[in-house]
Amino acid sequence: MTNASPGRRTPVVGVGALLLRPDGAVLIGHRIKQGEPETWCLPGGHVEAGESFEAAAVREIAEESGIHEVTDARTFTVVLHTAADRTQVTAGVVARLAARDAVPAALEPEVFDRWIWARPEDLPAPLFPASAALLAVWLGSPVPEGWMPYPAARPGVLPHGGPGLR
């Protein structure tokens, strides 16, 4: 086994969550993290030791938006970004909102100033890079340059979540 190339940082394993309302809208937050350009971002973050992609997605949704009423979390893709000084592996997890009346709150105001529900075909811009890659896979569009998608479909489940999840 060889060491990482000089100048490259430790890889990051993350997760991005497509939380779907019954009408098909997705939860997306306005990201205002200091030192980064403002973007729109899916709930997500780092996968912690011992955590599955699905558990990480449900945890991140709750930590960032306060929504705990989540069901049917399933990994639909993994995207790999190698064009930076750090390899980024991000799993896309789709989940459903279990409570129709759940209202998101900006629980990390230093990172997100608001959450909205948006139709997948009418998303605000610009998108956070990993979110753009995951949403492109979900929508069947080309992924942004520098990202490589890997479908994570389970037997009988299409990468976009299959019947009833999209």
Protein backbone atom coordinates (compact mmCIF):
# COMPACT_ATOMS: atom_id res chain seq x y z
CA MET A 1 0.00 0.00 0.00
CA THR A 2 1.32 3.47 -0.85
CA ASN A 3 0.86 6.75 0.92
CA ALA A 4 -1.32 9.49 -0.54
CA SER A 5 0.29 11.79 -3.08
CA PRO A 6 2.20 14.74 -1.59
CA GLY A 7 -0.01 17.81 -1.21
CA ARG A 8 -3.26 15.82 -1.12
CA ARG A 9 -5.30 15.81 2.05
CA THR A 10 -7.09 12.89 3.68
CA PRO A 11 -10.17 11.76 1.71
CA VAL A 12 -13.61 12.78 2.94
CA VAL A 13 -16.63 10.47 3.09
CA GLY A 14 -19.89 12.35 3.17
CA VAL A 15 -23.59 12.04 2.58
CA GLY A 16 -26.23 14.23 0.96
CA ALA A 17 -29.92 13.66 1.64
CA LEU A 18 -32.80 14.17 -0.76
CA LEU A 19 -35.67 14.50 1.71
CA LEU A 20 -38.89 14.27 -0.27
CA ARG A 21 -42.24 15.69 0.73
CA PRO A 22 -45.33 13.77 -0.44
CA ASP A 23 -45.75 16.28 -3.32
CA GLY A 24 -42.21 15.50 -4.58
CA ALA A 25 -40.54 18.71 -3.35
CA VAL A 26 -37.04 18.35 -1.86
CA LEU A 27 -35.57 20.10 1.17
CA ILE A 28 -32.70 22.43 0.29
CA GLY A 29 -30.86 24.95 2.44
CA HIS A 30 -29.23 28.30 1.71
CA ARG A 31 -25.59 27.69 2.73
CA ILE A 32 -23.77 30.77 4.07
CA LYS A 33 -20.68 29.17 5.63
CA GLN A 34 -17.92 31.74 6.17
CA GLY A 35 -15.09 31.48 3.66
CA GLU A 36 -17.24 29.77 1.02
CA PRO A 37 -19.44 31.22 -1.71
CA GLU A 38 -23.17 31.19 -0.89
CA THR A 39 -24.86 28.14 -2.40
CA TRP A 40 -27.95 25.96 -2.04
CA CYS A 41 -27.26 22.61 -0.44
CA LEU A 42 -28.98 19.37 0.46
CA PRO A 43 -28.84 18.36 4.12
CA GLY A 44 -25.68 16.38 4.68
CA GLY A 45 -22.19 16.16 6.03
CA HIS A 46 -19.52 13.71 7.11
CA VAL A 47 -20.26 10.07 7.80
CA GLU A 48 -19.17 9.26 11.35
CA ALA A 49 -17.31 6.09 12.32
CA GLY A 50 -19.66 3.11 12.57
CA GLU A 51 -22.48 4.89 10.70
CA SER A 52 -24.24 3.73 7.55
CA PHE A 53 -24.93 6.22 4.76
CA GLU A 54 -28.63 6.05 5.64
CA ALA A 55 -28.06 6.67 9.36
CA ALA A 56 -25.74 9.58 8.58
CA ALA A 57 -28.35 11.14 6.27
CA VAL A 58 -31.14 10.86 8.86
CA ARG A 59 -28.84 12.30 11.55
CA GLU A 60 -27.73 15.22 9.34
CA ILE A 61 -31.33 16.05 8.39
CA ALA A 62 -32.23 16.25 12.09
CA GLU A 63 -29.10 18.20 13.12
CA GLU A 64 -29.38 20.78 10.35
CA SER A 65 -33.13 21.22 9.91
CA GLY A 66 -34.72 19.81 13.07
CA ILE A 67 -36.79 17.33 11.06
CA HIS A 68 -36.90 13.95 12.79
CA GLU A 69 -39.89 12.52 10.94
CA VAL A 70 -37.98 10.66 8.21
CA THR A 71 -38.66 7.24 6.74
CA ASP A 72 -37.50 4.90 3.95
CA ALA A 73 -33.92 6.20 3.75
CA ARG A 74 -32.12 4.45 0.86
CA THR A 75 -28.78 5.04 -0.82
CA PHE A 76 -29.30 5.67 -4.55
CA THR A 77 -25.79 6.65 -5.67
CA VAL A 78 -22.24 7.38 -4.66
CA VAL A 79 -20.38 10.22 -6.38
CA LEU A 80 -16.62 10.62 -6.43
CA HIS A 81 -14.84 13.96 -6.85
CA THR A 82 -11.14 13.75 -7.56
CA ALA A 83 -10.44 17.13 -9.17
CA ALA A 84 -9.43 18.87 -5.93
CA ASP A 85 -6.65 18.42 -3.38
CA ARG A 86 -8.95 16.08 -1.44
CA THR A 87 -10.82 13.07 -2.80
CA GLN A 88 -14.49 13.39 -1.88
CA VAL A 89 -16.81 10.39 -1.74
CA THR A 90 -20.42 11.40 -1.20
CA ALA A 91 -23.35 9.01 -0.95
CA GLY A 92 -26.76 10.19 -2.08
CA VAL A 93 -29.59 9.03 0.17
CA VAL A 94 -33.24 9.55 -0.67
CA ALA A 95 -35.78 9.56 2.16
CA ARG A 96 -39.40 10.49 2.68
CA LEU A 97 -40.90 12.98 5.07
CA ALA A 98 -43.05 10.95 7.45
CA ALA A 99 -44.98 13.88 8.94
CA ARG A 100 -46.74 16.16 6.46
CA ASP A 101 -46.61 19.11 8.85
CA ALA A 102 -42.83 18.99 9.59
CA VAL A 103 -41.33 22.47 9.27
CA PRO A 104 -37.57 22.89 8.83
CA ALA A 105 -35.63 25.25 11.08
CA ALA A 106 -32.15 26.73 10.60
CA LEU A 107 -30.46 25.00 13.56
CA GLU A 108 -26.92 25.76 12.35
CA PRO A 109 -27.24 29.49 11.54
CA GLU A 110 -23.49 29.80 10.90
CA VAL A 111 -23.92 27.33 8.00
CA PHE A 112 -27.54 27.71 6.81
CA ASP A 113 -29.76 30.78 7.09
CA ARG A 114 -32.92 29.06 5.80
CA TRP A 115 -34.43 25.87 4.42
CA ILE A 116 -37.01 25.71 1.64
CA TRP A 117 -38.95 23.05 -0.22
CA ALA A 118 -38.34 23.15 -3.98
CA ARG A 119 -39.50 21.13 -6.95
CA PRO A 120 -36.54 19.10 -8.34
CA GLU A 121 -37.02 20.70 -11.76
CA ASP A 122 -37.06 24.23 -10.27
CA LEU A 123 -34.12 24.32 -7.85
CA PRO A 124 -32.46 27.56 -6.74
CA ALA A 125 -28.88 28.25 -7.86
CA PRO A 126 -26.01 28.05 -7.47
CA LEU A 127 -25.90 24.57 -5.98
CA PHE A 128 -23.22 23.31 -3.59
CA PRO A 129 -20.96 21.08 -5.76
CA ALA A 130 -21.71 17.74 -4.09
CA SER A 131 -25.44 18.56 -4.03
CA ALA A 132 -25.29 19.42 -7.74
CA ALA A 133 -23.71 16.05 -8.50
CA LEU A 134 -26.25 14.10 -6.42
CA LEU A 135 -29.23 15.99 -7.85
CA ALA A 136 -27.92 15.44 -11.40
CA VAL A 137 -27.81 11.68 -10.80
CA TRP A 138 -31.30 11.77 -9.24
CA LEU A 139 -32.71 13.71 -12.19
CA GLY A 140 -30.89 11.64 -14.81
CA SER A 141 -28.81 14.62 -15.99
CA PRO A 142 -25.08 14.77 -16.68
CA VAL A 143 -23.02 15.26 -13.52
CA PRO A 144 -20.78 18.33 -13.23
CA GLU A 145 -17.25 18.03 -14.55
CA GLY A 146 -14.86 16.34 -12.12
CA TRP A 147 -17.55 14.13 -10.56
CA MET A 148 -18.03 10.41 -11.29
CA PRO A 149 -21.35 8.74 -10.37
CA TYR A 150 -21.72 5.14 -9.25
CA PRO A 151 -25.25 3.75 -9.00
CA ALA A 152 -26.00 2.08 -5.68
CA ALA A 153 -29.28 0.43 -6.62
CA ARG A 154 -30.40 -2.56 -4.62
CA PRO A 155 -32.04 -5.44 -6.47
CA GLY A 156 -35.43 -4.28 -7.69
CA VAL A 157 -34.79 -0.61 -6.87
CA LEU A 158 -33.92 1.87 -9.61
CA PRO A 159 -31.16 4.44 -8.94
CA HIS A 160 -33.77 7.24 -8.79
CA GLY A 161 -35.56 5.47 -5.97
CA GLY A 162 -38.04 3.44 -7.95
CA PRO A 163 -41.80 3.70 -7.91
CA GLY A 164 -43.20 5.74 -5.07
CA LEU A 165 -39.93 7.37 -4.02
CA ARG A 166 -39.52 9.91 -6.74
